[in-house]
Amino acid sequence: MQSTVFDARAISTVLHHLAEIYLKLSGWRKEGRAPDELKYVMIAAPHTSNWDLFYTLLLAFAFRLRVFWMGKEAIFRPPFRRLCRWLGGIPIDRSRSNNMVAEAVRTFDESERMILIVPPEGTRKKVRHWKTGFYYIAHGAGVPIALGYVDYRRKAGGIGPMFHPTGYIDADMKNIQAFYVDVTGKRPGLSSHDSIKTKSGKRVLETEG
């Protein structure tokens, strides 16, 4: 993977302290703790505003996490491309979702440590159902899913429990989404807690996007 700000120890240490100071002065608090696992997918939800990325990275620095995050290609256009990649960003071509999942799984297999942040809505616009890419990445790589969140109503963000995919996506998605029922996005009207559309009881047997 590309070199990022998280690999520059001196800079990341300074940003850690600045993140802690900002959270304290702005009345925000971090909740939970950094997982012990070396590799996992982290959900970033709900995703309803451009501010979500700011708070997600702020919390990553506060928790001292070395993260990579997926974002749509549009935000990686010049002059922001190099900055976004330096901050751990990975541009995603939504027309190649199957390839994206396969590439992410391969990266997990080849890495000793890997934290990949994926917003399940896939966009800050209103969506009816969560996208399943994060689930297929975790399932394919054999890694757990960390339930990350930013709650604007409580001014709190952090990391909830770790979830281990069973392969039964219907039941797993319902259990995962249940955690977010009381988490409020910056624009609550754009949040979605609807279940995905799958065949009930069907087990995941192959990678999909």
N, C-alpha and C. Protein backbone atom coordinates (compact mmCIF):
# COMPACT_ATOMS: atom_id res chain seq x y z
N MET A 1 0.84 -1.20 0.00
CA MET A 1 0.00 0.00 0.00
C MET A 1 0.87 1.25 0.00
N GLN A 2 0.26 2.36 -0.40
CA GLN A 2 1.01 3.60 -0.47
C GLN A 2 1.40 4.09 0.92
N SER A 3 2.47 4.90 0.95
CA SER A 3 2.91 5.51 2.20
C SER A 3 1.94 6.64 2.56
N THR A 4 1.61 6.76 3.85
CA THR A 4 0.65 7.75 4.28
C THR A 4 1.17 8.54 5.47
N VAL A 5 0.39 9.52 5.89
CA VAL A 5 0.74 10.34 7.05
C VAL A 5 0.90 9.48 8.29
N PHE A 6 0.18 8.36 8.34
CA PHE A 6 0.25 7.48 9.51
C PHE A 6 1.60 6.78 9.63
N ASP A 7 2.36 6.76 8.52
CA ASP A 7 3.68 6.13 8.54
C ASP A 7 4.76 7.11 8.99
N ALA A 8 4.43 8.40 9.02
CA ALA A 8 5.39 9.42 9.48
C ALA A 8 5.18 9.60 10.97
N ARG A 9 6.01 8.94 11.77
CA ARG A 9 5.78 8.86 13.21
C ARG A 9 5.69 10.23 13.88
N ALA A 10 6.61 11.12 13.55
CA ALA A 10 6.61 12.43 14.19
C ALA A 10 5.34 13.21 13.87
N ILE A 11 4.96 13.20 12.59
CA ILE A 11 3.77 13.94 12.17
C ILE A 11 2.51 13.32 12.77
N SER A 12 2.41 12.00 12.74
CA SER A 12 1.21 11.34 13.26
C SER A 12 1.09 11.54 14.77
N THR A 13 2.21 11.64 15.47
CA THR A 13 2.18 11.90 16.91
C THR A 13 1.65 13.30 17.19
N VAL A 14 2.11 14.27 16.41
CA VAL A 14 1.62 15.64 16.56
C VAL A 14 0.12 15.69 16.26
N LEU A 15 -0.31 15.01 15.20
CA LEU A 15 -1.72 15.01 14.83
C LEU A 15 -2.57 14.30 15.88
N HIS A 16 -2.00 13.30 16.53
CA HIS A 16 -2.71 12.63 17.62
C HIS A 16 -3.02 13.62 18.73
N HIS A 17 -2.05 14.39 19.15
CA HIS A 17 -2.25 15.35 20.23
C HIS A 17 -3.19 16.47 19.80
N LEU A 18 -3.07 16.92 18.56
CA LEU A 18 -3.97 17.96 18.06
C LEU A 18 -5.41 17.45 18.00
N ALA A 19 -5.57 16.18 17.61
CA ALA A 19 -6.92 15.60 17.56
C ALA A 19 -7.53 15.53 18.95
N GLU A 20 -6.74 15.12 19.93
CA GLU A 20 -7.22 15.05 21.31
C GLU A 20 -7.62 16.44 21.81
N ILE A 21 -6.82 17.44 21.49
CA ILE A 21 -7.12 18.81 21.92
C ILE A 21 -8.38 19.32 21.24
N TYR A 22 -8.51 19.07 19.95
CA TYR A 22 -9.69 19.53 19.22
C TYR A 22 -10.96 18.90 19.78
N LEU A 23 -10.93 17.60 20.00
CA LEU A 23 -12.12 16.91 20.53
C LEU A 23 -12.53 17.51 21.88
N LYS A 24 -11.55 17.77 22.72
CA LYS A 24 -11.84 18.32 24.05
C LYS A 24 -12.41 19.72 23.97
N LEU A 25 -11.79 20.59 23.17
CA LEU A 25 -12.23 21.98 23.08
C LEU A 25 -13.57 22.12 22.36
N SER A 26 -13.88 21.20 21.44
CA SER A 26 -15.13 21.28 20.68
C SER A 26 -16.28 20.55 21.35
N GLY A 27 -16.00 19.91 22.50
CA GLY A 27 -17.06 19.23 23.22
C GLY A 27 -17.37 17.83 22.72
N TRP A 28 -16.50 17.31 21.84
CA TRP A 28 -16.68 15.94 21.36
C TRP A 28 -15.89 14.98 22.24
N ARG A 29 -16.30 13.73 22.22
CA ARG A 29 -15.55 12.71 22.96
C ARG A 29 -15.42 11.44 22.12
N LYS A 30 -14.34 10.73 22.38
CA LYS A 30 -14.17 9.45 21.71
C LYS A 30 -14.61 8.35 22.65
N GLU A 31 -15.17 7.30 22.09
CA GLU A 31 -15.70 6.19 22.88
C GLU A 31 -15.12 4.88 22.38
N GLY A 32 -15.00 3.91 23.28
CA GLY A 32 -14.45 2.61 22.92
C GLY A 32 -12.94 2.64 22.96
N ARG A 33 -12.35 1.65 22.33
CA ARG A 33 -10.89 1.55 22.31
C ARG A 33 -10.44 0.93 21.00
N ALA A 34 -9.17 1.10 20.71
CA ALA A 34 -8.63 0.52 19.48
C ALA A 34 -8.65 -1.01 19.59
N PRO A 35 -9.17 -1.70 18.59
CA PRO A 35 -9.21 -3.17 18.63
C PRO A 35 -7.81 -3.78 18.70
N ASP A 36 -7.73 -4.96 19.26
CA ASP A 36 -6.46 -5.67 19.36
C ASP A 36 -6.09 -6.35 18.04
N GLU A 37 -7.08 -6.62 17.20
CA GLU A 37 -6.84 -7.30 15.94
C GLU A 37 -5.91 -6.47 15.04
N LEU A 38 -5.06 -7.15 14.30
CA LEU A 38 -4.13 -6.46 13.40
C LEU A 38 -4.76 -6.12 12.06
N LYS A 39 -5.80 -6.88 11.69
CA LYS A 39 -6.44 -6.65 10.39
C LYS A 39 -7.96 -6.69 10.55
N TYR A 40 -8.62 -5.68 10.02
CA TYR A 40 -10.09 -5.68 10.04
C TYR A 40 -10.64 -4.60 9.13
N VAL A 41 -11.89 -4.77 8.76
CA VAL A 41 -12.64 -3.75 8.02
C VAL A 41 -13.40 -2.93 9.06
N MET A 42 -13.41 -1.61 8.89
CA MET A 42 -14.17 -0.77 9.80
C MET A 42 -15.28 -0.05 9.05
N ILE A 43 -16.51 -0.19 9.55
CA ILE A 43 -17.62 0.55 9.00
C ILE A 43 -17.52 2.00 9.46
N ALA A 44 -17.82 2.94 8.57
CA ALA A 44 -17.92 4.35 8.94
C ALA A 44 -19.36 4.77 8.67
N ALA A 45 -20.17 4.83 9.71
CA ALA A 45 -21.59 5.10 9.52
C ALA A 45 -22.13 5.95 10.69
N PRO A 46 -23.22 6.65 10.42
CA PRO A 46 -23.84 6.88 9.11
C PRO A 46 -23.05 7.90 8.29
N HIS A 47 -23.21 7.85 6.99
CA HIS A 47 -22.48 8.75 6.10
C HIS A 47 -23.48 9.67 5.42
N THR A 48 -23.61 10.90 5.92
CA THR A 48 -24.60 11.83 5.39
C THR A 48 -24.02 13.20 5.06
N SER A 49 -22.71 13.40 5.29
CA SER A 49 -22.13 14.73 5.13
C SER A 49 -20.65 14.62 4.81
N ASN A 50 -20.11 15.66 4.16
CA ASN A 50 -18.67 15.72 3.90
C ASN A 50 -17.87 15.80 5.20
N TRP A 51 -18.52 16.25 6.28
CA TRP A 51 -17.84 16.35 7.57
C TRP A 51 -17.51 14.97 8.15
N ASP A 52 -18.16 13.94 7.66
CA ASP A 52 -17.93 12.59 8.20
C ASP A 52 -16.48 12.17 8.04
N LEU A 53 -15.88 12.49 6.89
CA LEU A 53 -14.49 12.11 6.67
C LEU A 53 -13.59 12.85 7.65
N PHE A 54 -13.86 14.12 7.89
CA PHE A 54 -13.05 14.90 8.83
C PHE A 54 -13.06 14.25 10.21
N TYR A 55 -14.26 13.92 10.71
CA TYR A 55 -14.33 13.33 12.05
C TYR A 55 -13.80 11.91 12.08
N THR A 56 -13.95 11.18 10.99
CA THR A 56 -13.42 9.82 10.93
C THR A 56 -11.89 9.84 11.04
N LEU A 57 -11.25 10.73 10.29
CA LEU A 57 -9.80 10.83 10.35
C LEU A 57 -9.36 11.41 11.70
N LEU A 58 -10.12 12.36 12.22
CA LEU A 58 -9.81 12.93 13.53
C LEU A 58 -9.78 11.84 14.59
N LEU A 59 -10.78 10.97 14.55
CA LEU A 59 -10.85 9.87 15.52
C LEU A 59 -9.75 8.84 15.28
N ALA A 60 -9.40 8.63 14.02
CA ALA A 60 -8.31 7.70 13.71
C ALA A 60 -7.01 8.20 14.34
N PHE A 61 -6.76 9.50 14.24
CA PHE A 61 -5.56 10.06 14.88
C PHE A 61 -5.66 9.97 16.39
N ALA A 62 -6.85 10.24 16.94
CA ALA A 62 -7.03 10.18 18.39
C ALA A 62 -6.80 8.78 18.93
N PHE A 63 -7.22 7.77 18.17
CA PHE A 63 -7.04 6.38 18.59
C PHE A 63 -5.67 5.81 18.18
N ARG A 64 -4.89 6.61 17.46
CA ARG A 64 -3.59 6.17 16.95
C ARG A 64 -3.72 4.97 16.01
N LEU A 65 -4.68 5.03 15.12
CA LEU A 65 -4.90 3.96 14.16
C LEU A 65 -4.22 4.30 12.83
N ARG A 66 -3.65 3.32 12.19
CA ARG A 66 -3.10 3.48 10.84
C ARG A 66 -4.16 2.95 9.88
N VAL A 67 -4.87 3.86 9.23
CA VAL A 67 -6.03 3.44 8.45
C VAL A 67 -5.89 3.79 6.97
N PHE A 68 -6.66 3.05 6.19
CA PHE A 68 -6.91 3.38 4.80
C PHE A 68 -8.43 3.52 4.67
N TRP A 69 -8.86 4.37 3.78
CA TRP A 69 -10.30 4.57 3.62
C TRP A 69 -10.67 4.66 2.14
N MET A 70 -11.85 4.17 1.83
CA MET A 70 -12.32 4.18 0.45
C MET A 70 -13.22 5.39 0.20
N GLY A 71 -13.01 6.04 -0.93
CA GLY A 71 -13.83 7.18 -1.30
C GLY A 71 -14.05 7.22 -2.80
N LYS A 72 -15.11 7.88 -3.23
CA LYS A 72 -15.39 7.94 -4.66
C LYS A 72 -14.30 8.72 -5.38
N GLU A 73 -14.08 8.38 -6.64
CA GLU A 73 -12.98 8.95 -7.42
C GLU A 73 -13.04 10.47 -7.49
N ALA A 74 -14.24 11.04 -7.45
CA ALA A 74 -14.40 12.48 -7.64
C ALA A 74 -13.59 13.31 -6.65
N ILE A 75 -13.46 12.83 -5.40
CA ILE A 75 -12.74 13.63 -4.40
C ILE A 75 -11.23 13.50 -4.54
N PHE A 76 -10.77 12.64 -5.45
CA PHE A 76 -9.33 12.45 -5.65
C PHE A 76 -8.82 13.23 -6.87
N ARG A 77 -9.65 14.11 -7.39
CA ARG A 77 -9.22 14.92 -8.53
C ARG A 77 -8.26 16.01 -8.06
N PRO A 78 -7.34 16.44 -8.96
CA PRO A 78 -6.43 17.53 -8.61
C PRO A 78 -7.25 18.77 -8.19
N PRO A 79 -6.78 19.53 -7.21
CA PRO A 79 -5.45 19.45 -6.58
C PRO A 79 -5.44 18.63 -5.29
N PHE A 80 -6.52 17.84 -5.03
CA PHE A 80 -6.63 17.15 -3.75
C PHE A 80 -6.17 15.70 -3.79
N ARG A 81 -5.83 15.20 -4.98
CA ARG A 81 -5.52 13.77 -5.11
C ARG A 81 -4.37 13.34 -4.21
N ARG A 82 -3.26 14.06 -4.26
CA ARG A 82 -2.09 13.66 -3.47
C ARG A 82 -2.36 13.76 -1.98
N LEU A 83 -3.10 14.80 -1.57
CA LEU A 83 -3.43 14.96 -0.15
C LEU A 83 -4.31 13.82 0.33
N CYS A 84 -5.34 13.48 -0.46
CA CYS A 84 -6.26 12.41 -0.06
C CYS A 84 -5.53 11.08 0.07
N ARG A 85 -4.64 10.80 -0.86
CA ARG A 85 -3.90 9.53 -0.80
C ARG A 85 -2.91 9.55 0.36
N TRP A 86 -2.33 10.71 0.66
CA TRP A 86 -1.42 10.81 1.80
C TRP A 86 -2.15 10.58 3.10
N LEU A 87 -3.44 10.93 3.12
CA LEU A 87 -4.27 10.72 4.31
C LEU A 87 -4.85 9.30 4.37
N GLY A 88 -4.43 8.44 3.45
CA GLY A 88 -4.86 7.05 3.47
C GLY A 88 -6.00 6.72 2.53
N GLY A 89 -6.35 7.67 1.65
CA GLY A 89 -7.48 7.47 0.76
C GLY A 89 -7.19 6.53 -0.40
N ILE A 90 -8.19 5.76 -0.76
CA ILE A 90 -8.12 4.86 -1.90
C ILE A 90 -9.30 5.17 -2.82
N PRO A 91 -9.05 5.70 -4.04
CA PRO A 91 -10.15 6.03 -4.94
C PRO A 91 -10.87 4.78 -5.44
N ILE A 92 -12.20 4.86 -5.49
CA ILE A 92 -13.01 3.71 -5.90
C ILE A 92 -13.81 4.03 -7.16
N ASP A 93 -13.69 3.16 -8.14
CA ASP A 93 -14.48 3.23 -9.36
C ASP A 93 -15.70 2.33 -9.13
N ARG A 94 -16.87 2.93 -8.93
CA ARG A 94 -18.06 2.14 -8.58
C ARG A 94 -18.51 1.20 -9.68
N SER A 95 -18.04 1.42 -10.91
CA SER A 95 -18.41 0.51 -12.00
C SER A 95 -17.62 -0.78 -11.95
N ARG A 96 -16.61 -0.84 -11.06
CA ARG A 96 -15.76 -2.02 -10.95
C ARG A 96 -15.83 -2.59 -9.54
N SER A 97 -17.03 -2.71 -8.98
CA SER A 97 -17.18 -3.10 -7.58
C SER A 97 -16.64 -4.50 -7.30
N ASN A 98 -16.84 -5.44 -8.23
CA ASN A 98 -16.33 -6.79 -8.01
C ASN A 98 -14.81 -6.80 -7.95
N ASN A 99 -14.17 -6.04 -8.85
CA ASN A 99 -12.72 -5.96 -8.83
C ASN A 99 -12.23 -5.30 -7.56
N MET A 100 -12.98 -4.30 -7.08
CA MET A 100 -12.61 -3.60 -5.86
C MET A 100 -12.58 -4.55 -4.69
N VAL A 101 -13.58 -5.40 -4.57
CA VAL A 101 -13.63 -6.36 -3.48
C VAL A 101 -12.46 -7.34 -3.58
N ALA A 102 -12.22 -7.85 -4.77
CA ALA A 102 -11.13 -8.81 -4.96
C ALA A 102 -9.78 -8.19 -4.65
N GLU A 103 -9.57 -6.94 -5.07
CA GLU A 103 -8.31 -6.26 -4.81
C GLU A 103 -8.12 -6.01 -3.32
N ALA A 104 -9.21 -5.64 -2.64
CA ALA A 104 -9.12 -5.39 -1.20
C ALA A 104 -8.80 -6.68 -0.45
N VAL A 105 -9.43 -7.78 -0.85
CA VAL A 105 -9.16 -9.07 -0.22
C VAL A 105 -7.70 -9.46 -0.42
N ARG A 106 -7.20 -9.26 -1.63
CA ARG A 106 -5.79 -9.60 -1.91
C ARG A 106 -4.85 -8.75 -1.05
N THR A 107 -5.18 -7.47 -0.88
CA THR A 107 -4.34 -6.59 -0.06
C THR A 107 -4.32 -7.06 1.38
N PHE A 108 -5.48 -7.48 1.90
CA PHE A 108 -5.52 -8.03 3.26
C PHE A 108 -4.64 -9.27 3.36
N ASP A 109 -4.73 -10.14 2.36
CA ASP A 109 -3.94 -11.38 2.39
C ASP A 109 -2.44 -11.10 2.38
N GLU A 110 -2.04 -10.01 1.72
CA GLU A 110 -0.62 -9.71 1.58
C GLU A 110 -0.08 -8.82 2.69
N SER A 111 -0.96 -8.35 3.59
CA SER A 111 -0.54 -7.40 4.62
C SER A 111 -0.52 -8.04 6.00
N GLU A 112 0.45 -7.65 6.81
CA GLU A 112 0.50 -8.11 8.20
C GLU A 112 -0.45 -7.31 9.07
N ARG A 113 -0.61 -6.01 8.73
CA ARG A 113 -1.51 -5.13 9.45
C ARG A 113 -2.32 -4.36 8.43
N MET A 114 -3.64 -4.25 8.67
CA MET A 114 -4.47 -3.55 7.70
C MET A 114 -5.80 -3.15 8.35
N ILE A 115 -6.09 -1.86 8.31
CA ILE A 115 -7.39 -1.36 8.75
C ILE A 115 -7.99 -0.62 7.57
N LEU A 116 -9.10 -1.10 7.05
CA LEU A 116 -9.74 -0.49 5.89
C LEU A 116 -11.11 0.05 6.29
N ILE A 117 -11.28 1.36 6.15
CA ILE A 117 -12.55 2.01 6.51
C ILE A 117 -13.44 2.10 5.27
N VAL A 118 -14.68 1.63 5.40
CA VAL A 118 -15.62 1.64 4.29
C VAL A 118 -16.97 2.17 4.77
N PRO A 119 -17.50 3.24 4.15
CA PRO A 119 -18.86 3.70 4.49
C PRO A 119 -19.88 2.80 3.81
N PRO A 120 -20.73 2.10 4.55
CA PRO A 120 -21.66 1.15 3.93
C PRO A 120 -22.71 1.78 3.03
N GLU A 121 -23.03 3.07 3.26
CA GLU A 121 -23.99 3.72 2.36
C GLU A 121 -23.37 3.97 1.00
N GLY A 122 -22.04 4.10 0.97
CA GLY A 122 -21.35 4.32 -0.30
C GLY A 122 -21.43 5.74 -0.79
N THR A 123 -22.31 6.56 -0.25
CA THR A 123 -22.50 7.94 -0.66
C THR A 123 -23.16 8.70 0.47
N ARG A 124 -22.99 10.04 0.48
CA ARG A 124 -23.63 10.83 1.53
C ARG A 124 -25.08 11.19 1.16
N LYS A 125 -25.51 10.78 -0.05
CA LYS A 125 -26.89 11.01 -0.46
C LYS A 125 -27.80 9.96 0.18
N LYS A 126 -29.11 10.20 0.13
CA LYS A 126 -30.08 9.26 0.68
C LYS A 126 -30.03 7.95 -0.10
N VAL A 127 -29.91 6.85 0.61
CA VAL A 127 -29.93 5.53 -0.02
C VAL A 127 -30.96 4.66 0.69
N ARG A 128 -31.53 3.70 -0.04
CA ARG A 128 -32.54 2.82 0.56
C ARG A 128 -31.89 1.66 1.29
N HIS A 129 -30.77 1.21 0.77
CA HIS A 129 -30.14 0.02 1.36
C HIS A 129 -28.63 0.23 1.45
N TRP A 130 -28.02 -0.38 2.45
CA TRP A 130 -26.56 -0.36 2.56
C TRP A 130 -25.95 -1.18 1.44
N LYS A 131 -24.80 -0.74 0.95
CA LYS A 131 -24.05 -1.53 -0.01
C LYS A 131 -23.32 -2.64 0.76
N THR A 132 -23.01 -3.72 0.08
CA THR A 132 -22.48 -4.90 0.76
C THR A 132 -20.99 -5.11 0.57
N GLY A 133 -20.32 -4.17 -0.12
CA GLY A 133 -18.90 -4.35 -0.39
C GLY A 133 -18.07 -4.61 0.85
N PHE A 134 -18.33 -3.83 1.92
CA PHE A 134 -17.54 -4.00 3.15
C PHE A 134 -17.70 -5.41 3.71
N TYR A 135 -18.90 -5.96 3.59
CA TYR A 135 -19.15 -7.30 4.13
C TYR A 135 -18.39 -8.35 3.33
N TYR A 136 -18.44 -8.25 2.00
CA TYR A 136 -17.76 -9.23 1.16
C TYR A 136 -16.25 -9.14 1.28
N ILE A 137 -15.74 -7.93 1.52
CA ILE A 137 -14.30 -7.80 1.74
C ILE A 137 -13.91 -8.53 3.02
N ALA A 138 -14.63 -8.25 4.11
CA ALA A 138 -14.31 -8.88 5.39
C ALA A 138 -14.47 -10.40 5.31
N HIS A 139 -15.57 -10.84 4.70
CA HIS A 139 -15.82 -12.27 4.59
C HIS A 139 -14.75 -12.95 3.74
N GLY A 140 -14.40 -12.32 2.61
CA GLY A 140 -13.42 -12.91 1.71
C GLY A 140 -12.03 -12.95 2.31
N ALA A 141 -11.70 -11.93 3.10
CA ALA A 141 -10.37 -11.86 3.72
C ALA A 141 -10.30 -12.60 5.04
N GLY A 142 -11.45 -13.01 5.56
CA GLY A 142 -11.47 -13.72 6.83
C GLY A 142 -11.11 -12.82 8.01
N VAL A 143 -11.55 -11.55 7.94
CA VAL A 143 -11.25 -10.60 9.01
C VAL A 143 -12.55 -10.09 9.61
N PRO A 144 -12.51 -9.60 10.86
CA PRO A 144 -13.72 -9.08 11.49
C PRO A 144 -14.07 -7.68 10.99
N ILE A 145 -15.24 -7.23 11.40
CA ILE A 145 -15.74 -5.90 11.06
C ILE A 145 -15.85 -5.08 12.33
N ALA A 146 -15.16 -3.94 12.38
CA ALA A 146 -15.28 -3.03 13.52
C ALA A 146 -16.41 -2.05 13.24
N LEU A 147 -17.27 -1.85 14.23
CA LEU A 147 -18.42 -0.97 14.05
C LEU A 147 -18.05 0.45 14.48
N GLY A 148 -17.53 1.22 13.53
CA GLY A 148 -17.16 2.59 13.80
C GLY A 148 -18.33 3.53 13.57
N TYR A 149 -18.36 4.63 14.29
CA TYR A 149 -19.51 5.54 14.18
C TYR A 149 -19.14 6.96 14.55
N VAL A 150 -19.93 7.91 14.03
CA VAL A 150 -19.86 9.32 14.42
C VAL A 150 -21.29 9.75 14.71
N ASP A 151 -21.58 10.08 15.96
CA ASP A 151 -22.92 10.44 16.40
C ASP A 151 -22.95 11.95 16.67
N TYR A 152 -23.55 12.70 15.75
CA TYR A 152 -23.58 14.16 15.86
C TYR A 152 -24.52 14.64 16.96
N ARG A 153 -25.54 13.88 17.28
CA ARG A 153 -26.46 14.30 18.33
C ARG A 153 -25.77 14.30 19.68
N ARG A 154 -25.00 13.26 19.96
CA ARG A 154 -24.31 13.17 21.24
C ARG A 154 -22.91 13.77 21.20
N LYS A 155 -22.46 14.19 19.99
CA LYS A 155 -21.11 14.69 19.79
C LYS A 155 -20.10 13.65 20.32
N ALA A 156 -20.26 12.45 19.80
CA ALA A 156 -19.40 11.34 20.21
C ALA A 156 -19.11 10.46 19.01
N GLY A 157 -17.90 9.95 18.97
CA GLY A 157 -17.53 9.03 17.91
C GLY A 157 -16.58 8.00 18.44
N GLY A 158 -16.56 6.86 17.80
CA GLY A 158 -15.65 5.83 18.30
C GLY A 158 -15.82 4.50 17.62
N ILE A 159 -15.48 3.47 18.37
CA ILE A 159 -15.47 2.11 17.84
C ILE A 159 -16.29 1.23 18.76
N GLY A 160 -17.31 0.60 18.19
CA GLY A 160 -18.15 -0.31 18.94
C GLY A 160 -17.58 -1.71 18.92
N PRO A 161 -18.41 -2.71 19.07
CA PRO A 161 -17.93 -4.10 19.11
C PRO A 161 -17.40 -4.59 17.77
N MET A 162 -16.64 -5.64 17.82
CA MET A 162 -16.15 -6.30 16.61
C MET A 162 -17.16 -7.36 16.20
N PHE A 163 -17.43 -7.44 14.91
CA PHE A 163 -18.39 -8.40 14.40
C PHE A 163 -17.67 -9.35 13.44
N HIS A 164 -17.87 -10.66 13.64
CA HIS A 164 -17.25 -11.66 12.79
C HIS A 164 -18.28 -12.21 11.81
N PRO A 165 -18.13 -11.95 10.52
CA PRO A 165 -19.10 -12.42 9.52
C PRO A 165 -19.25 -13.95 9.56
N THR A 166 -20.48 -14.40 9.53
CA THR A 166 -20.74 -15.83 9.54
C THR A 166 -20.91 -16.39 8.13
N GLY A 167 -21.14 -15.49 7.16
CA GLY A 167 -21.45 -15.92 5.81
C GLY A 167 -22.93 -15.85 5.51
N TYR A 168 -23.76 -15.76 6.57
CA TYR A 168 -25.21 -15.60 6.38
C TYR A 168 -25.50 -14.11 6.39
N ILE A 169 -25.47 -13.52 5.21
CA ILE A 169 -25.45 -12.07 5.09
C ILE A 169 -26.74 -11.42 5.59
N ASP A 170 -27.89 -12.04 5.37
CA ASP A 170 -29.16 -11.44 5.83
C ASP A 170 -29.14 -11.22 7.33
N ALA A 171 -28.85 -12.27 8.08
CA ALA A 171 -28.85 -12.18 9.54
C ALA A 171 -27.72 -11.28 10.03
N ASP A 172 -26.56 -11.39 9.42
CA ASP A 172 -25.42 -10.57 9.84
C ASP A 172 -25.69 -9.08 9.64
N MET A 173 -26.25 -8.71 8.50
CA MET A 173 -26.51 -7.30 8.23
C MET A 173 -27.54 -6.73 9.20
N LYS A 174 -28.53 -7.53 9.55
CA LYS A 174 -29.53 -7.06 10.52
C LYS A 174 -28.89 -6.82 11.88
N ASN A 175 -28.00 -7.72 12.28
CA ASN A 175 -27.33 -7.56 13.57
C ASN A 175 -26.39 -6.35 13.56
N ILE A 176 -25.69 -6.15 12.45
CA ILE A 176 -24.79 -5.01 12.34
C ILE A 176 -25.58 -3.70 12.37
N GLN A 177 -26.64 -3.63 11.57
CA GLN A 177 -27.41 -2.39 11.47
C GLN A 177 -28.15 -2.06 12.76
N ALA A 178 -28.44 -3.07 13.55
CA ALA A 178 -29.11 -2.82 14.83
C ALA A 178 -28.27 -1.93 15.73
N PHE A 179 -26.94 -2.03 15.59
CA PHE A 179 -26.05 -1.21 16.42
C PHE A 179 -26.20 0.27 16.10
N TYR A 180 -26.59 0.59 14.86
CA TYR A 180 -26.63 1.98 14.41
C TYR A 180 -28.00 2.65 14.52
N VAL A 181 -28.96 1.95 15.05
CA VAL A 181 -30.32 2.49 15.12
C VAL A 181 -30.37 3.83 15.86
N ASP A 182 -29.61 3.97 16.93
CA ASP A 182 -29.63 5.19 17.73
C ASP A 182 -28.46 6.12 17.45
N VAL A 183 -27.74 5.87 16.37
CA VAL A 183 -26.62 6.74 15.99
C VAL A 183 -27.14 7.77 14.98
N THR A 184 -26.92 9.04 15.25
CA THR A 184 -27.48 10.11 14.43
C THR A 184 -26.42 10.77 13.57
N GLY A 185 -26.66 10.80 12.27
CA GLY A 185 -25.75 11.46 11.35
C GLY A 185 -25.95 12.97 11.36
N LYS A 186 -25.06 13.67 10.70
CA LYS A 186 -25.17 15.14 10.66
C LYS A 186 -26.46 15.57 9.97
N ARG A 187 -26.86 14.81 8.97
CA ARG A 187 -28.12 15.07 8.25
C ARG A 187 -29.00 13.83 8.41
N PRO A 188 -29.71 13.72 9.52
CA PRO A 188 -30.46 12.50 9.86
C PRO A 188 -31.41 12.01 8.77
N GLY A 189 -31.96 12.93 8.00
CA GLY A 189 -32.92 12.53 6.97
C GLY A 189 -32.32 11.71 5.86
N LEU A 190 -30.99 11.69 5.78
CA LEU A 190 -30.32 10.94 4.72
C LEU A 190 -29.85 9.57 5.19
N SER A 191 -30.00 9.30 6.48
CA SER A 191 -29.55 8.00 7.01
C SER A 191 -30.50 6.90 6.59
N SER A 192 -29.95 5.69 6.46
CA SER A 192 -30.76 4.53 6.12
C SER A 192 -30.36 3.36 6.99
N HIS A 193 -31.35 2.73 7.62
CA HIS A 193 -31.09 1.52 8.41
C HIS A 193 -31.85 0.33 7.80
N ASP A 194 -32.31 0.52 6.54
CA ASP A 194 -33.03 -0.57 5.89
C ASP A 194 -32.08 -1.73 5.61
N SER A 195 -32.64 -2.93 5.67
CA SER A 195 -31.84 -4.11 5.37
C SER A 195 -31.57 -4.19 3.88
N ILE A 196 -30.50 -4.87 3.50
CA ILE A 196 -30.21 -5.07 2.09
C ILE A 196 -31.17 -6.11 1.52
N LYS A 197 -31.23 -6.16 0.22
CA LYS A 197 -32.09 -7.14 -0.44
C LYS A 197 -31.26 -8.36 -0.81
N THR A 198 -31.52 -9.46 -0.13
CA THR A 198 -30.86 -10.72 -0.44
C THR A 198 -31.88 -11.84 -0.29
N LYS A 199 -31.51 -13.00 -0.76
CA LYS A 199 -32.39 -14.15 -0.60
C LYS A 199 -32.27 -14.66 0.83
N SER A 200 -33.36 -14.70 1.55
CA SER A 200 -33.36 -15.04 2.97
C SER A 200 -32.66 -16.36 3.23
N GLY A 201 -31.73 -16.32 4.19
CA GLY A 201 -31.06 -17.53 4.62
C GLY A 201 -29.93 -17.98 3.72
N LYS A 202 -29.70 -17.24 2.62
CA LYS A 202 -28.69 -17.66 1.67
C LYS A 202 -27.30 -17.42 2.22
N ARG A 203 -26.43 -18.38 2.12
CA ARG A 203 -25.07 -18.23 2.62
C ARG A 203 -24.18 -17.64 1.52
N VAL A 204 -23.24 -16.80 1.92
CA VAL A 204 -22.31 -16.21 0.97
C VAL A 204 -21.34 -17.30 0.50
N LEU A 205 -21.30 -17.53 -0.81
CA LEU A 205 -20.44 -18.57 -1.34
C LEU A 205 -19.38 -18.02 -2.28
N GLU A 206 -19.57 -16.76 -2.73
CA GLU A 206 -18.60 -16.18 -3.62
C GLU A 206 -18.60 -14.68 -3.44
N THR A 207 -17.53 -14.05 -3.87
CA THR A 207 -17.39 -12.61 -3.69
C THR A 207 -18.29 -11.87 -4.65
N GLU A 208 -18.99 -10.87 -4.09
CA GLU A 208 -19.84 -10.01 -4.89
C GLU A 208 -19.54 -8.58 -4.51
N GLY A 209 -20.08 -7.62 -5.26
CA GLY A 209 -19.89 -6.23 -4.94
C GLY A 209 -21.11 -5.63 -4.34
